[in-house]
PDB file of N, CA and C in Angstrom:
ATOM      1  N   MET A   1     -33.791-187.351  36.151  1.00  0.00           N
ATOM      2  CA  MET A   1     -34.650-186.181  35.959  1.00  0.00           C
ATOM      3  C   MET A   1     -34.095-185.057  36.856  1.00  0.00           C
ATOM      4  N   THR A   2     -33.890-183.878  36.279  1.00  0.00           N
ATOM      5  CA  THR A   2     -33.281-182.814  36.903  1.00  0.00           C
ATOM      6  C   THR A   2     -34.414-181.958  37.499  1.00  0.00           C
ATOM      7  N   SER A   3     -34.208-181.483  38.774  1.00  0.00           N
ATOM      8  CA  SER A   3     -35.155-180.748  39.513  1.00  0.00           C
ATOM      9  C   SER A   3     -35.023-179.225  39.091  1.00  0.00           C
ATOM     10  N   ASN A   4     -36.185-178.521  38.982  1.00  0.00           N
ATOM     11  CA  ASN A   4     -36.206-177.135  38.640  1.00  0.00           C
ATOM     12  C   ASN A   4     -36.240-176.250  39.943  1.00  0.00           C
ATOM     13  N   LEU A   5     -36.088-176.892  41.119  1.00  0.00           N
ATOM     14  CA  LEU A   5     -36.164-176.193  42.302  1.00  0.00           C
ATOM     15  C   LEU A   5     -34.768-175.545  42.535  1.00  0.00           C
ATOM     16  N   PRO A   6     -34.745-174.424  43.371  1.00  0.00           N
ATOM     17  CA  PRO A   6     -33.552-173.860  43.643  1.00  0.00           C
ATOM     18  C   PRO A   6     -32.594-174.791  44.426  1.00  0.00           C
ATOM     19  N   ASN A   7     -31.325-174.776  44.174  1.00  0.00           N
ATOM     20  CA  ASN A   7     -30.388-175.585  44.942  1.00  0.00           C
ATOM     21  C   ASN A   7     -29.771-174.833  46.028  1.00  0.00           C
ATOM     22  N   VAL A   8     -30.008-175.252  47.244  1.00  0.00           N
ATOM     23  CA  VAL A   8     -29.514-174.505  48.412  1.00  0.00           C
ATOM     24  C   VAL A   8     -28.457-175.365  49.168  1.00  0.00           C
ATOM     25  N   THR A   9     -27.341-174.893  49.402  1.00  0.00           N
ATOM     26  CA  THR A   9     -26.211-175.584  49.931  1.00  0.00           C
ATOM     27  C   THR A   9     -25.897-174.940  51.309  1.00  0.00           C
ATOM     28  N   LEU A  10     -25.967-175.667  52.282  1.00  0.00           N
ATOM     29  CA  LEU A  10     -25.527-175.245  53.770  1.00  0.00           C
ATOM     30  C   LEU A  10     -24.100-175.768  54.022  1.00  0.00           C
ATOM     31  N   TYR A  11     -23.159-174.940  54.067  1.00  0.00           N
ATOM     32  CA  TYR A  11     -21.824-175.319  54.502  1.00  0.00           C
ATOM     33  C   TYR A  11     -21.720-175.175  56.002  1.00  0.00           C
ATOM     34  N   THR A  12     -21.362-176.292  56.672  1.00  0.00           N
ATOM     35  CA  THR A  12     -21.466-176.499  58.130  1.00  0.00           C
ATOM     36  C   THR A  12     -20.303-177.305  58.637  1.00  0.00           C
ATOM     37  N   ARG A  13     -20.300-177.489  59.942  1.00  0.00           N
ATOM     38  CA  ARG A  13     -19.523-178.461  60.578  1.00  0.00           C
ATOM     39  C   ARG A  13     -20.042-178.959  61.872  1.00  0.00           C
ATOM     40  N   LYS A  14     -19.650-180.106  62.230  1.00  0.00           N
ATOM     41  CA  LYS A  14     -20.100-180.821  63.483  1.00  0.00           C
ATOM     42  C   LYS A  14     -19.861-179.785  64.739  1.00  0.00           C
ATOM     43  N   GLY A  15     -20.811-179.810  65.598  1.00  0.00           N
ATOM     44  CA  GLY A  15     -20.563-179.153  66.909  1.00  0.00           C
ATOM     45  C   GLY A  15     -20.809-177.641  66.804  1.00  0.00           C
ATOM     46  N   CYS A  16     -21.315-177.160  65.594  1.00  0.00           N
ATOM     47  CA  CYS A  16     -21.549-175.651  65.425  1.00  0.00           C
ATOM     48  C   CYS A  16     -22.970-175.358  65.669  1.00  0.00           C
ATOM     49  N   CYS A  17     -23.287-174.576  66.828  1.00  0.00           N
ATOM     50  CA  CYS A  17     -24.630-174.329  67.201  1.00  0.00           C
ATOM     51  C   CYS A  17     -25.285-173.349  66.147  1.00  0.00           C
ATOM     52  N   LEU A  18     -24.430-172.376  65.657  1.00  0.00           N
ATOM     53  CA  LEU A  18     -24.988-171.552  64.684  1.00  0.00           C
ATOM     54  C   LEU A  18     -25.394-172.270  63.357  1.00  0.00           C
ATOM     55  N   CYS A  19     -24.664-173.397  63.091  1.00  0.00           N
ATOM     56  CA  CYS A  19     -25.036-174.229  61.900  1.00  0.00           C
ATOM     57  C   CYS A  19     -26.313-174.941  62.239  1.00  0.00           C
ATOM     58  N   GLU A  20     -26.534-175.406  63.435  1.00  0.00           N
ATOM     59  CA  GLU A  20     -27.769-176.107  63.620  1.00  0.00           C
ATOM     60  C   GLU A  20     -28.955-175.135  63.601  1.00  0.00           C
ATOM     61  N   GLU A  21     -28.700-173.943  63.982  1.00  0.00           N
ATOM     62  CA  GLU A  21     -29.804-172.886  63.924  1.00  0.00           C
ATOM     63  C   GLU A  21     -30.139-172.596  62.458  1.00  0.00           C
ATOM     64  N   ALA A  22     -29.072-172.405  61.656  1.00  0.00           N
ATOM     65  CA  ALA A  22     -29.254-172.204  60.175  1.00  0.00           C
ATOM     66  C   ALA A  22     -30.013-173.330  59.575  1.00  0.00           C
ATOM     67  N   LYS A  23     -29.640-174.632  59.932  1.00  0.00           N
ATOM     68  CA  LYS A  23     -30.362-175.745  59.357  1.00  0.00           C
ATOM     69  C   LYS A  23     -31.880-175.681  59.762  1.00  0.00           C
ATOM     70  N   ARG A  24     -32.129-175.389  61.027  1.00  0.00           N
ATOM     71  CA  ARG A  24     -33.555-175.276  61.493  1.00  0.00           C
ATOM     72  C   ARG A  24     -34.267-174.227  60.663  1.00  0.00           C
ATOM     73  N   VAL A  25     -33.707-173.096  60.418  1.00  0.00           N
ATOM     74  CA  VAL A  25     -34.387-172.061  59.638  1.00  0.00           C
ATOM     75  C   VAL A  25     -34.612-172.552  58.256  1.00  0.00           C
ATOM     76  N   LEU A  26     -33.611-173.251  57.557  1.00  0.00           N
ATOM     77  CA  LEU A  26     -33.814-173.688  56.287  1.00  0.00           C
ATOM     78  C   LEU A  26     -34.851-174.714  56.227  1.00  0.00           C
ATOM     79  N   LEU A  27     -34.923-175.702  57.157  1.00  0.00           N
ATOM     80  CA  LEU A  27     -35.984-176.642  57.137  1.00  0.00           C
ATOM     81  C   LEU A  27     -37.324-176.046  57.330  1.00  0.00           C
ATOM     82  N   LEU A  28     -37.451-175.025  58.134  1.00  0.00           N
ATOM     83  CA  LEU A  28     -38.769-174.262  58.202  1.00  0.00           C
ATOM     84  C   LEU A  28     -39.127-173.606  57.010  1.00  0.00           C
ATOM     85  N   ALA A  29     -38.100-172.995  56.410  1.00  0.00           N
ATOM     86  CA  ALA A  29     -38.417-172.233  55.052  1.00  0.00           C
ATOM     87  C   ALA A  29     -38.823-173.185  54.046  1.00  0.00           C
ATOM     88  N   ARG A  30     -38.410-174.390  54.065  1.00  0.00           N
ATOM     89  CA  ARG A  30     -38.779-175.444  53.094  1.00  0.00           C
ATOM     90  C   ARG A  30     -40.185-175.826  53.147  1.00  0.00           C
ATOM     91  N   THR A  31     -40.805-175.607  54.329  1.00  0.00           N
ATOM     92  CA  THR A  31     -42.166-175.963  54.490  1.00  0.00           C
ATOM     93  C   THR A  31     -43.069-174.836  53.740  1.00  0.00           C
ATOM     94  N   ARG A  32     -42.409-173.776  53.489  1.00  0.00           N
ATOM     95  CA  ARG A  32     -43.164-172.593  52.828  1.00  0.00           C
ATOM     96  C   ARG A  32     -42.829-172.467  51.326  1.00  0.00           C
ATOM     97  N   LYS A  33     -41.668-172.796  50.986  1.00  0.00           N
ATOM     98  CA  LYS A  33     -41.238-172.765  49.653  1.00  0.00           C
ATOM     99  C   LYS A  33     -40.249-173.987  49.265  1.00  0.00           C
ATOM    100  N   PRO A  34     -40.599-174.762  48.357  1.00  0.00           N
ATOM    101  CA  PRO A  34     -39.737-175.900  48.000  1.00  0.00           C
ATOM    102  C   PRO A  34     -38.363-175.519  47.582  1.00  0.00           C
ATOM    103  N   PHE A  35     -37.327-176.263  47.838  1.00  0.00           N
ATOM    104  CA  PHE A  35     -36.033-176.214  47.345  1.00  0.00           C
ATOM    105  C   PHE A  35     -35.198-177.480  47.655  1.00  0.00           C
ATOM    106  N   ASP A  36     -34.264-177.717  46.805  1.00  0.00           N
ATOM    107  CA  ASP A  36     -33.348-178.806  47.176  1.00  0.00           C
ATOM    108  C   ASP A  36     -32.246-178.351  48.138  1.00  0.00           C
ATOM    109  N   LEU A  37     -31.982-179.085  49.155  1.00  0.00           N
ATOM    110  CA  LEU A  37     -31.107-178.733  50.206  1.00  0.00           C
ATOM    111  C   LEU A  37     -29.977-179.741  50.356  1.00  0.00           C
ATOM    112  N   GLU A  38     -28.762-179.285  50.262  1.00  0.00           N
ATOM    113  CA  GLU A  38     -27.631-180.130  50.412  1.00  0.00           C
ATOM    114  C   GLU A  38     -26.741-179.573  51.708  1.00  0.00           C
ATOM    115  N   GLU A  39     -26.490-180.385  52.587  1.00  0.00           N
ATOM    116  CA  GLU A  39     -25.516-180.062  53.675  1.00  0.00           C
ATOM    117  C   GLU A  39     -24.185-180.612  53.531  1.00  0.00           C
ATOM    118  N   VAL A  40     -23.241-179.710  53.562  1.00  0.00           N
ATOM    119  CA  VAL A  40     -21.844-180.058  53.227  1.00  0.00           C
ATOM    120  C   VAL A  40     -20.953-179.743  54.554  1.00  0.00           C
ATOM    121  N   ASP A  41     -20.287-180.855  55.035  1.00  0.00           N
ATOM    122  CA  ASP A  41     -19.381-180.621  56.239  1.00  0.00           C
ATOM    123  C   ASP A  41     -18.053-180.072  55.647  1.00  0.00           C
ATOM    124  N   ILE A  42     -17.730-178.883  55.951  1.00  0.00           N
ATOM    125  CA  ILE A  42     -16.464-178.334  55.410  1.00  0.00           C
ATOM    126  C   ILE A  42     -15.182-178.972  55.963  1.00  0.00           C
ATOM    127  N   ASP A  43     -15.237-179.564  57.000  1.00  0.00           N
ATOM    128  CA  ASP A  43     -14.110-180.255  57.617  1.00  0.00           C
ATOM    129  C   ASP A  43     -13.773-181.592  56.955  1.00  0.00           C
ATOM    130  N   LEU A  44     -14.588-181.983  55.947  1.00  0.00           N
ATOM    131  CA  LEU A  44     -14.283-183.174  55.168  1.00  0.00           C
ATOM    132  C   LEU A  44     -13.605-182.810  53.930  1.00  0.00           C
ATOM    133  N   ASP A  45     -13.384-181.594  53.614  1.00  0.00           N
ATOM    134  CA  ASP A  45     -12.749-181.192  52.391  1.00  0.00           C
ATOM    135  C   ASP A  45     -11.810-179.950  52.687  1.00  0.00           C
ATOM    136  N   LEU A  46     -10.587-180.163  52.401  1.00  0.00           N
ATOM    137  CA  LEU A  46      -9.525-179.090  52.786  1.00  0.00           C
ATOM    138  C   LEU A  46      -9.738-177.827  52.135  1.00  0.00           C
ATOM    139  N   ALA A  47     -10.235-177.818  50.862  1.00  0.00           N
ATOM    140  CA  ALA A  47     -10.418-176.601  50.113  1.00  0.00           C
ATOM    141  C   ALA A  47     -11.578-175.855  50.757  1.00  0.00           C
ATOM    142  N   LEU A  48     -12.641-176.625  51.060  1.00  0.00           N
ATOM    143  CA  LEU A  48     -13.783-175.851  51.704  1.00  0.00           C
ATOM    144  C   LEU A  48     -13.526-175.357  53.054  1.00  0.00           C
ATOM    145  N   ARG A  49     -12.719-176.131  53.821  1.00  0.00           N
ATOM    146  CA  ARG A  49     -12.315-175.675  55.164  1.00  0.00           C
ATOM    147  C   ARG A  49     -11.537-174.385  55.081  1.00  0.00           C
ATOM    148  N   ALA A  50     -10.618-174.397  54.087  1.00  0.00           N
ATOM    149  CA  ALA A  50      -9.771-173.178  53.968  1.00  0.00           C
ATOM    150  C   ALA A  50     -10.675-171.966  53.552  1.00  0.00           C
ATOM    151  N   GLU A  51     -11.700-172.164  52.669  1.00  0.00           N
ATOM    152  CA  GLU A  51     -12.602-171.023  52.185  1.00  0.00           C
ATOM    153  C   GLU A  51     -13.564-170.657  53.309  1.00  0.00           C
ATOM    154  N   TYR A  52     -14.147-171.495  54.030  1.00  0.00           N
ATOM    155  CA  TYR A  52     -15.178-171.291  54.875  1.00  0.00           C
ATOM    156  C   TYR A  52     -14.951-171.346  56.298  1.00  0.00           C
ATOM    157  N   ASN A  53     -13.733-171.726  56.772  1.00  0.00           N
ATOM    158  CA  ASN A  53     -13.482-171.999  58.199  1.00  0.00           C
ATOM    159  C   ASN A  53     -13.911-171.003  59.175  1.00  0.00           C
ATOM    160  N   GLU A  54     -13.805-169.682  58.967  1.00  0.00           N
ATOM    161  CA  GLU A  54     -14.210-168.749  59.932  1.00  0.00           C
ATOM    162  C   GLU A  54     -15.502-168.124  59.710  1.00  0.00           C
ATOM    163  N   GLU A  55     -16.297-168.745  58.652  1.00  0.00           N
ATOM    164  CA  GLU A  55     -17.580-168.073  58.252  1.00  0.00           C
ATOM    165  C   GLU A  55     -18.833-168.984  58.529  1.00  0.00           C
ATOM    166  N   VAL A  56     -18.583-170.267  58.831  1.00  0.00           N
ATOM    167  CA  VAL A  56     -19.774-171.154  58.910  1.00  0.00           C
ATOM    168  C   VAL A  56     -20.804-170.718  59.942  1.00  0.00           C
ATOM    169  N   PRO A  57     -22.064-170.942  59.747  1.00  0.00           N
ATOM    170  CA  PRO A  57     -22.572-171.512  58.532  1.00  0.00           C
ATOM    171  C   PRO A  57     -22.537-170.606  57.341  1.00  0.00           C
ATOM    172  N   VAL A  58     -22.490-171.186  56.189  1.00  0.00           N
ATOM    173  CA  VAL A  58     -22.653-170.428  54.968  1.00  0.00           C
ATOM    174  C   VAL A  58     -23.791-170.974  54.168  1.00  0.00           C
ATOM    175  N   VAL A  59     -24.629-170.175  53.566  1.00  0.00           N
ATOM    176  CA  VAL A  59     -25.779-170.681  52.732  1.00  0.00           C
ATOM    177  C   VAL A  59     -25.524-170.043  51.362  1.00  0.00           C
ATOM    178  N   ALA A  60     -25.475-170.975  50.398  1.00  0.00           N
ATOM    179  CA  ALA A  60     -25.366-170.605  49.032  1.00  0.00           C
ATOM    180  C   ALA A  60     -26.700-171.008  48.312  1.00  0.00           C
ATOM    181  N   VAL A  61     -27.160-170.241  47.356  1.00  0.00           N
ATOM    182  CA  VAL A  61     -28.325-170.511  46.576  1.00  0.00           C
ATOM    183  C   VAL A  61     -27.965-170.570  45.107  1.00  0.00           C
ATOM    184  N   ASN A  62     -28.102-171.657  44.523  1.00  0.00           N
ATOM    185  CA  ASN A  62     -27.623-171.975  43.092  1.00  0.00           C
ATOM    186  C   ASN A  62     -26.172-171.491  42.872  1.00  0.00           C
ATOM    187  N   GLY A  63     -25.359-171.828  43.960  1.00  0.00           N
ATOM    188  CA  GLY A  63     -23.969-171.626  43.847  1.00  0.00           C
ATOM    189  C   GLY A  63     -23.503-170.231  44.359  1.00  0.00           C
ATOM    190  N   ARG A  64     -24.444-169.384  44.570  1.00  0.00           N
ATOM    191  CA  ARG A  64     -24.070-167.954  44.987  1.00  0.00           C
ATOM    192  C   ARG A  64     -24.192-167.904  46.539  1.00  0.00           C
ATOM    193  N   LYS A  65     -23.002-167.498  47.191  1.00  0.00           N
ATOM    194  CA  LYS A  65     -23.055-167.389  48.649  1.00  0.00           C
ATOM    195  C   LYS A  65     -23.936-166.135  49.023  1.00  0.00           C
ATOM    196  N   LEU A  66     -24.900-166.362  49.874  1.00  0.00           N
ATOM    197  CA  LEU A  66     -25.895-165.314  50.237  1.00  0.00           C
ATOM    198  C   LEU A  66     -25.827-165.018  51.759  1.00  0.00           C
ATOM    199  N   PHE A  67     -25.573-166.022  52.553  1.00  0.00           N
ATOM    200  CA  PHE A  67     -25.628-165.727  54.019  1.00  0.00           C
ATOM    201  C   PHE A  67     -24.405-166.387  54.718  1.00  0.00           C
ATOM    202  N   GLN A  68     -23.993-165.848  55.816  1.00  0.00           N
ATOM    203  CA  GLN A  68     -23.056-166.475  56.665  1.00  0.00           C
ATOM    204  C   GLN A  68     -23.264-166.150  57.983  1.00  0.00           C
ATOM    205  N   TYR A  69     -22.957-166.871  58.926  1.00  0.00           N
ATOM    206  CA  TYR A  69     -23.219-166.896  60.386  1.00  0.00           C
ATOM    207  C   TYR A  69     -24.761-167.067  60.661  1.00  0.00           C
ATOM    208  N   GLU A  70     -25.577-166.226  60.012  1.00  0.00           N
ATOM    209  CA  GLU A  70     -27.006-166.232  60.476  1.00  0.00           C
ATOM    210  C   GLU A  70     -27.895-166.129  59.181  1.00  0.00           C
ATOM    211  N   VAL A  71     -28.978-166.907  59.302  1.00  0.00           N
ATOM    212  CA  VAL A  71     -29.980-166.737  58.223  1.00  0.00           C
ATOM    213  C   VAL A  71     -31.293-166.525  58.814  1.00  0.00           C
ATOM    214  N   ARG A  72     -31.963-165.486  58.321  1.00  0.00           N
ATOM    215  CA  ARG A  72     -33.245-165.009  58.730  1.00  0.00           C
ATOM    216  C   ARG A  72     -34.287-165.544  57.642  1.00  0.00           C
ATOM    217  N   ILE A  73     -35.244-166.159  58.095  1.00  0.00           N
ATOM    218  CA  ILE A  73     -36.274-166.834  57.251  1.00  0.00           C
ATOM    219  C   ILE A  73     -36.781-165.820  56.216  1.00  0.00           C
ATOM    220  N   ALA A  74     -37.137-164.711  56.679  1.00  0.00           N
ATOM    221  CA  ALA A  74     -37.826-163.635  55.640  1.00  0.00           C
ATOM    222  C   ALA A  74     -36.889-163.348  54.558  1.00  0.00           C
ATOM    223  N   ASP A  75     -35.526-163.123  54.952  1.00  0.00           N
ATOM    224  CA  ASP A  75     -34.527-162.587  54.025  1.00  0.00           C
ATOM    225  C   ASP A  75     -34.257-163.817  53.086  1.00  0.00           C
ATOM    226  N   PHE A  76     -34.150-165.056  53.517  1.00  0.00           N
ATOM    227  CA  PHE A  76     -34.004-166.219  52.723  1.00  0.00           C
ATOM    228  C   PHE A  76     -35.083-166.423  51.703  1.00  0.00           C
ATOM    229  N   LEU A  77     -36.358-166.355  52.200  1.00  0.00           N
ATOM    230  CA  LEU A  77     -37.477-166.615  51.298  1.00  0.00           C
ATOM    231  C   LEU A  77     -37.541-165.510  50.208  1.00  0.00           C
ATOM    232  N   LYS A  78     -37.141-164.255  50.580  1.00  0.00           N
ATOM    233  CA  LYS A  78     -37.045-163.152  49.545  1.00  0.00           C
ATOM    234  C   LYS A  78     -36.061-163.500  48.503  1.00  0.00           C
ATOM    235  N   GLU A  79     -35.001-164.108  48.935  1.00  0.00           N
ATOM    236  CA  GLU A  79     -33.882-164.409  47.889  1.00  0.00           C
ATOM    237  C   GLU A  79     -34.415-165.563  46.935  1.00  0.00           C
ATOM    238  N   LEU A  80     -35.226-166.383  47.435  1.00  0.00           N
ATOM    239  CA  LEU A  80     -35.793-167.468  46.602  1.00  0.00           C
ATOM    240  C   LEU A  80     -36.888-167.076  45.695  1.00  0.00           C
ATOM    241  N   ALA A  81     -37.538-165.927  46.055  1.00  0.00           N
ATOM    242  CA  ALA A  81     -38.716-165.451  45.259  1.00  0.00           C
ATOM    243  C   ALA A  81     -38.317-165.082  43.861  1.00  0.00           C
TER     244      ALA A  81
END
């Protein structure tokens, strides 16, 4: 069964404090509006590391990159509306 919820991808890496903060914001946002969340470690994929190395965290919604470095909950929820 396929979900009709927005698909949110958090591109991250281990040891990244900005990534941990972005994840915290996304988990809080998910208590207000449901969405599917996938967390992807860019260091496990050479192509992703090449693309996002200097930008993590990156948040994409339905495949569209919307945020990098910082995610504000109000802006994120507005994008999901």
